[in-house]
Amino acid sequence: MSASIRLGFIVRRTNCGCKARRRATTIAESQQQDLERTLLYTLRIAFVGALRAKALLARAKENLDYFEKELSINRVRYQADIARVDRDRLLLQALPSRRWRRP
């Protein structure tokens, strides 16, 4: 083989490598953008979930406070001779919520 043919072969081979590297770089950039979009989406979903959980907790506390007020009213009514069955029913309803309530 002559020197010019060898040089032409090397140049063509190098150009093929450059194209392949450019394609690989383009693919890697696209994958990076996909990962960033996915991460942002996941972060937004987690944030919305945290906000929903916070609102749910606030609503549960409001419900528990309301139930405690109702229970205290019925305690007063019991002292004024309401039926013992009604008082016991209310106390049994309060047990599950008191178990989970933080002081």
N, C-alpha and C. Protein backbone atom coordinates (compact mmCIF):
# COMPACT_ATOMS: atom_id res chain seq x y z
N MET A 1 0.84 -1.18 0.00
CA MET A 1 0.00 0.00 0.00
C MET A 1 0.88 1.24 0.00
N SER A 2 0.40 2.21 -0.70
CA SER A 2 1.19 3.44 -0.74
C SER A 2 0.83 4.29 0.48
N ALA A 3 1.66 5.27 0.73
CA ALA A 3 1.47 6.14 1.89
C ALA A 3 0.19 6.95 1.78
N SER A 4 -0.18 7.38 0.58
CA SER A 4 -1.38 8.21 0.42
C SER A 4 -2.65 7.39 0.69
N ILE A 5 -2.63 6.11 0.32
CA ILE A 5 -3.80 5.26 0.57
C ILE A 5 -3.94 5.00 2.06
N ARG A 6 -2.82 4.74 2.72
CA ARG A 6 -2.86 4.53 4.18
C ARG A 6 -3.38 5.79 4.89
N LEU A 7 -2.90 6.93 4.48
CA LEU A 7 -3.32 8.19 5.09
C LEU A 7 -4.82 8.42 4.87
N GLY A 8 -5.32 8.13 3.68
CA GLY A 8 -6.74 8.27 3.39
C GLY A 8 -7.58 7.34 4.24
N PHE A 9 -7.10 6.12 4.45
CA PHE A 9 -7.80 5.15 5.29
C PHE A 9 -7.87 5.66 6.72
N ILE A 10 -6.79 6.19 7.23
CA ILE A 10 -6.74 6.70 8.60
C ILE A 10 -7.68 7.89 8.77
N VAL A 11 -7.70 8.78 7.79
CA VAL A 11 -8.57 9.95 7.86
C VAL A 11 -10.04 9.54 7.87
N ARG A 12 -10.41 8.62 7.00
CA ARG A 12 -11.80 8.14 6.96
C ARG A 12 -12.18 7.47 8.28
N ARG A 13 -11.27 6.68 8.81
CA ARG A 13 -11.52 5.97 10.06
C ARG A 13 -11.70 6.97 11.20
N THR A 14 -10.90 8.00 11.23
CA THR A 14 -11.01 9.02 12.26
C THR A 14 -12.32 9.77 12.14
N ASN A 15 -12.75 10.09 10.92
CA ASN A 15 -14.02 10.78 10.72
C ASN A 15 -15.19 9.93 11.20
N CYS A 16 -15.14 8.64 10.98
CA CYS A 16 -16.19 7.75 11.45
C CYS A 16 -16.25 7.77 12.98
N GLY A 17 -15.08 7.78 13.60
CA GLY A 17 -15.02 7.84 15.06
C GLY A 17 -15.60 9.14 15.59
N CYS A 18 -15.34 10.24 14.90
CA CYS A 18 -15.87 11.54 15.32
C CYS A 18 -17.39 11.55 15.25
N LYS A 19 -17.94 10.99 14.18
CA LYS A 19 -19.39 10.94 14.04
C LYS A 19 -20.02 10.10 15.15
N ALA A 20 -19.38 8.98 15.42
CA ALA A 20 -19.90 8.11 16.48
C ALA A 20 -19.84 8.81 17.84
N ARG A 21 -18.75 9.53 18.09
CA ARG A 21 -18.63 10.25 19.35
C ARG A 21 -19.65 11.37 19.45
N ARG A 22 -19.90 12.06 18.34
CA ARG A 22 -20.92 13.12 18.33
C ARG A 22 -22.31 12.55 18.62
N ARG A 23 -22.60 11.41 17.99
CA ARG A 23 -23.90 10.76 18.24
C ARG A 23 -24.01 10.34 19.70
N ALA A 24 -22.93 9.77 20.22
CA ALA A 24 -22.95 9.33 21.62
C ALA A 24 -23.12 10.53 22.55
N THR A 25 -22.48 11.64 22.23
CA THR A 25 -22.62 12.85 23.04
C THR A 25 -24.05 13.38 22.98
N THR A 26 -24.63 13.37 21.81
CA THR A 26 -26.02 13.84 21.65
C THR A 26 -26.97 12.96 22.45
N ILE A 27 -26.76 11.67 22.39
CA ILE A 27 -27.61 10.73 23.14
C ILE A 27 -27.43 10.96 24.63
N ALA A 28 -26.20 11.13 25.08
CA ALA A 28 -25.93 11.36 26.50
C ALA A 28 -26.59 12.66 26.98
N GLU A 29 -26.53 13.71 26.16
CA GLU A 29 -27.18 14.97 26.52
C GLU A 29 -28.68 14.80 26.61
N SER A 30 -29.25 14.07 25.69
CA SER A 30 -30.69 13.83 25.71
C SER A 30 -31.09 13.04 26.96
N GLN A 31 -30.31 12.04 27.29
CA GLN A 31 -30.59 11.25 28.49
C GLN A 31 -30.47 12.12 29.75
N GLN A 32 -29.49 13.00 29.77
CA GLN A 32 -29.32 13.90 30.91
C GLN A 32 -30.54 14.81 31.05
N GLN A 33 -31.03 15.34 29.95
CA GLN A 33 -32.23 16.19 30.00
C GLN A 33 -33.45 15.40 30.48
N ASP A 34 -33.56 14.15 30.03
CA ASP A 34 -34.66 13.29 30.49
C ASP A 34 -34.57 13.06 32.00
N LEU A 35 -33.36 12.81 32.49
CA LEU A 35 -33.18 12.61 33.93
C LEU A 35 -33.54 13.86 34.72
N GLU A 36 -33.16 15.02 34.21
CA GLU A 36 -33.49 16.27 34.90
C GLU A 36 -35.00 16.49 34.93
N ARG A 37 -35.68 16.21 33.82
CA ARG A 37 -37.14 16.34 33.79
C ARG A 37 -37.80 15.36 34.76
N THR A 38 -37.31 14.14 34.77
CA THR A 38 -37.86 13.14 35.68
C THR A 38 -37.65 13.53 37.12
N LEU A 39 -36.47 14.02 37.45
CA LEU A 39 -36.18 14.44 38.81
C LEU A 39 -37.07 15.60 39.24
N LEU A 40 -37.25 16.56 38.36
CA LEU A 40 -38.11 17.71 38.66
C LEU A 40 -39.56 17.26 38.87
N TYR A 41 -40.03 16.37 38.02
CA TYR A 41 -41.39 15.84 38.15
C TYR A 41 -41.55 15.11 39.48
N THR A 42 -40.59 14.27 39.82
CA THR A 42 -40.65 13.52 41.08
C THR A 42 -40.62 14.45 42.27
N LEU A 43 -39.81 15.48 42.19
CA LEU A 43 -39.73 16.46 43.27
C LEU A 43 -41.05 17.19 43.45
N ARG A 44 -41.68 17.57 42.35
CA ARG A 44 -42.97 18.25 42.43
C ARG A 44 -44.04 17.34 43.03
N ILE A 45 -44.04 16.10 42.61
CA ILE A 45 -45.01 15.13 43.16
C ILE A 45 -44.80 14.97 44.66
N ALA A 46 -43.55 14.87 45.10
CA ALA A 46 -43.26 14.72 46.53
C ALA A 46 -43.70 15.96 47.30
N PHE A 47 -43.48 17.13 46.72
CA PHE A 47 -43.87 18.37 47.39
C PHE A 47 -45.39 18.45 47.55
N VAL A 48 -46.10 18.10 46.50
CA VAL A 48 -47.57 18.11 46.57
C VAL A 48 -48.05 17.08 47.59
N GLY A 49 -47.40 15.92 47.63
CA GLY A 49 -47.75 14.91 48.63
C GLY A 49 -47.53 15.40 50.04
N ALA A 50 -46.43 16.12 50.26
CA ALA A 50 -46.16 16.67 51.59
C ALA A 50 -47.22 17.71 51.97
N LEU A 51 -47.61 18.56 51.02
CA LEU A 51 -48.65 19.54 51.30
C LEU A 51 -49.98 18.88 51.62
N ARG A 52 -50.29 17.83 50.87
CA ARG A 52 -51.55 17.11 51.13
C ARG A 52 -51.53 16.45 52.51
N ALA A 53 -50.38 15.86 52.86
CA ALA A 53 -50.27 15.21 54.17
C ALA A 53 -50.39 16.24 55.30
N LYS A 54 -49.80 17.41 55.10
CA LYS A 54 -49.89 18.47 56.10
C LYS A 54 -51.34 18.92 56.28
N ALA A 55 -52.04 19.10 55.17
CA ALA A 55 -53.45 19.50 55.24
C ALA A 55 -54.30 18.41 55.90
N LEU A 56 -54.02 17.16 55.57
CA LEU A 56 -54.76 16.05 56.16
C LEU A 56 -54.53 15.97 57.66
N LEU A 57 -53.29 16.19 58.08
CA LEU A 57 -52.98 16.18 59.51
C LEU A 57 -53.71 17.30 60.24
N ALA A 58 -53.73 18.49 59.64
CA ALA A 58 -54.44 19.61 60.25
C ALA A 58 -55.93 19.29 60.38
N ARG A 59 -56.51 18.71 59.33
CA ARG A 59 -57.93 18.36 59.37
C ARG A 59 -58.20 17.29 60.43
N ALA A 60 -57.31 16.32 60.55
CA ALA A 60 -57.49 15.27 61.56
C ALA A 60 -57.42 15.86 62.97
N LYS A 61 -56.51 16.82 63.18
CA LYS A 61 -56.43 17.47 64.49
C LYS A 61 -57.69 18.26 64.80
N GLU A 62 -58.23 18.96 63.79
CA GLU A 62 -59.48 19.69 63.98
C GLU A 62 -60.61 18.73 64.34
N ASN A 63 -60.67 17.61 63.64
CA ASN A 63 -61.72 16.62 63.92
C ASN A 63 -61.58 16.06 65.34
N LEU A 64 -60.35 15.79 65.74
CA LEU A 64 -60.11 15.24 67.07
C LEU A 64 -60.46 16.26 68.14
N ASP A 65 -60.10 17.52 67.92
CA ASP A 65 -60.46 18.57 68.89
C ASP A 65 -61.98 18.70 69.01
N TYR A 66 -62.65 18.64 67.87
CA TYR A 66 -64.10 18.72 67.89
C TYR A 66 -64.70 17.54 68.67
N PHE A 67 -64.16 16.35 68.44
CA PHE A 67 -64.65 15.17 69.12
C PHE A 67 -64.39 15.28 70.62
N GLU A 68 -63.24 15.82 70.99
CA GLU A 68 -62.93 15.99 72.42
C GLU A 68 -63.92 16.96 73.06
N LYS A 69 -64.29 18.03 72.37
CA LYS A 69 -65.28 18.96 72.90
C LYS A 69 -66.62 18.28 73.08
N GLU A 70 -66.98 17.49 72.09
CA GLU A 70 -68.25 16.76 72.18
C GLU A 70 -68.21 15.79 73.36
N LEU A 71 -67.10 15.16 73.57
CA LEU A 71 -66.97 14.22 74.68
C LEU A 71 -67.05 14.95 76.01
N SER A 72 -66.43 16.12 76.09
CA SER A 72 -66.49 16.87 77.35
C SER A 72 -67.92 17.34 77.63
N ILE A 73 -68.64 17.73 76.59
CA ILE A 73 -70.05 18.12 76.77
C ILE A 73 -70.85 16.93 77.29
N ASN A 74 -70.59 15.77 76.73
CA ASN A 74 -71.33 14.58 77.16
C ASN A 74 -70.93 14.13 78.56
N ARG A 75 -69.71 14.44 78.99
CA ARG A 75 -69.32 14.16 80.39
C ARG A 75 -70.16 15.00 81.34
N VAL A 76 -70.33 16.27 80.95
CA VAL A 76 -71.17 17.15 81.77
C VAL A 76 -72.60 16.62 81.78
N ARG A 77 -73.07 16.20 80.64
CA ARG A 77 -74.42 15.64 80.57
C ARG A 77 -74.52 14.38 81.43
N TYR A 78 -73.44 13.59 81.48
CA TYR A 78 -73.47 12.37 82.30
C TYR A 78 -73.59 12.73 83.77
N GLN A 79 -72.86 13.79 84.14
CA GLN A 79 -72.96 14.22 85.53
C GLN A 79 -74.37 14.72 85.84
N ALA A 80 -75.06 15.14 84.81
CA ALA A 80 -76.46 15.55 84.98
C ALA A 80 -77.41 14.39 84.66
N ASP A 81 -76.91 13.17 84.76
CA ASP A 81 -77.71 11.93 84.65
C ASP A 81 -78.13 11.55 83.23
N ILE A 82 -77.26 11.66 82.22
CA ILE A 82 -77.61 11.05 80.93
C ILE A 82 -77.39 9.55 81.07
N ALA A 83 -77.85 8.83 80.12
CA ALA A 83 -77.77 7.37 80.19
C ALA A 83 -76.32 6.91 80.17
N ARG A 84 -75.99 5.96 81.00
CA ARG A 84 -74.64 5.42 81.10
C ARG A 84 -74.21 4.77 79.79
N VAL A 85 -75.14 4.19 79.06
CA VAL A 85 -74.84 3.54 77.79
C VAL A 85 -74.29 4.56 76.78
N ASP A 86 -74.90 5.74 76.75
CA ASP A 86 -74.42 6.78 75.84
C ASP A 86 -73.00 7.21 76.19
N ARG A 87 -72.74 7.36 77.48
CA ARG A 87 -71.39 7.75 77.92
C ARG A 87 -70.37 6.69 77.55
N ASP A 88 -70.68 5.45 77.80
CA ASP A 88 -69.76 4.37 77.47
C ASP A 88 -69.51 4.28 75.97
N ARG A 89 -70.55 4.49 75.18
CA ARG A 89 -70.39 4.46 73.73
C ARG A 89 -69.42 5.55 73.27
N LEU A 90 -69.57 6.74 73.81
CA LEU A 90 -68.67 7.84 73.45
C LEU A 90 -67.23 7.57 73.88
N LEU A 91 -67.08 7.01 75.05
CA LEU A 91 -65.72 6.69 75.52
C LEU A 91 -65.07 5.63 74.64
N LEU A 92 -65.84 4.64 74.21
CA LEU A 92 -65.29 3.61 73.33
C LEU A 92 -64.92 4.19 71.97
N GLN A 93 -65.68 5.14 71.48
CA GLN A 93 -65.34 5.78 70.22
C GLN A 93 -64.05 6.59 70.34
N ALA A 94 -63.80 7.12 71.52
CA ALA A 94 -62.62 7.97 71.72
C ALA A 94 -61.33 7.16 71.86
N LEU A 95 -61.42 5.91 72.20
CA LEU A 95 -60.21 5.12 72.45
C LEU A 95 -59.24 5.07 71.26
N PRO A 96 -59.68 4.76 70.04
CA PRO A 96 -58.72 4.69 68.95
C PRO A 96 -58.01 6.02 68.66
N SER A 97 -58.75 7.12 68.76
CA SER A 97 -58.13 8.42 68.50
C SER A 97 -57.16 8.81 69.61
N ARG A 98 -57.43 8.45 70.82
CA ARG A 98 -56.52 8.80 71.91
C ARG A 98 -55.22 8.00 71.84
N ARG A 99 -55.30 6.82 71.30
CA ARG A 99 -54.11 5.99 71.20
C ARG A 99 -53.09 6.63 70.26
N TRP A 100 -53.56 7.28 69.20
CA TRP A 100 -52.66 7.86 68.19
C TRP A 100 -52.32 9.32 68.45
N ARG A 101 -52.99 9.93 69.39
CA ARG A 101 -52.78 11.36 69.64
C ARG A 101 -51.48 11.60 70.37
N ARG A 102 -50.75 12.58 69.89
CA ARG A 102 -49.51 12.97 70.57
C ARG A 102 -49.85 13.99 71.64
N PRO A 103 -49.13 13.96 72.74
CA PRO A 103 -49.42 14.94 73.81
C PRO A 103 -49.05 16.35 73.39
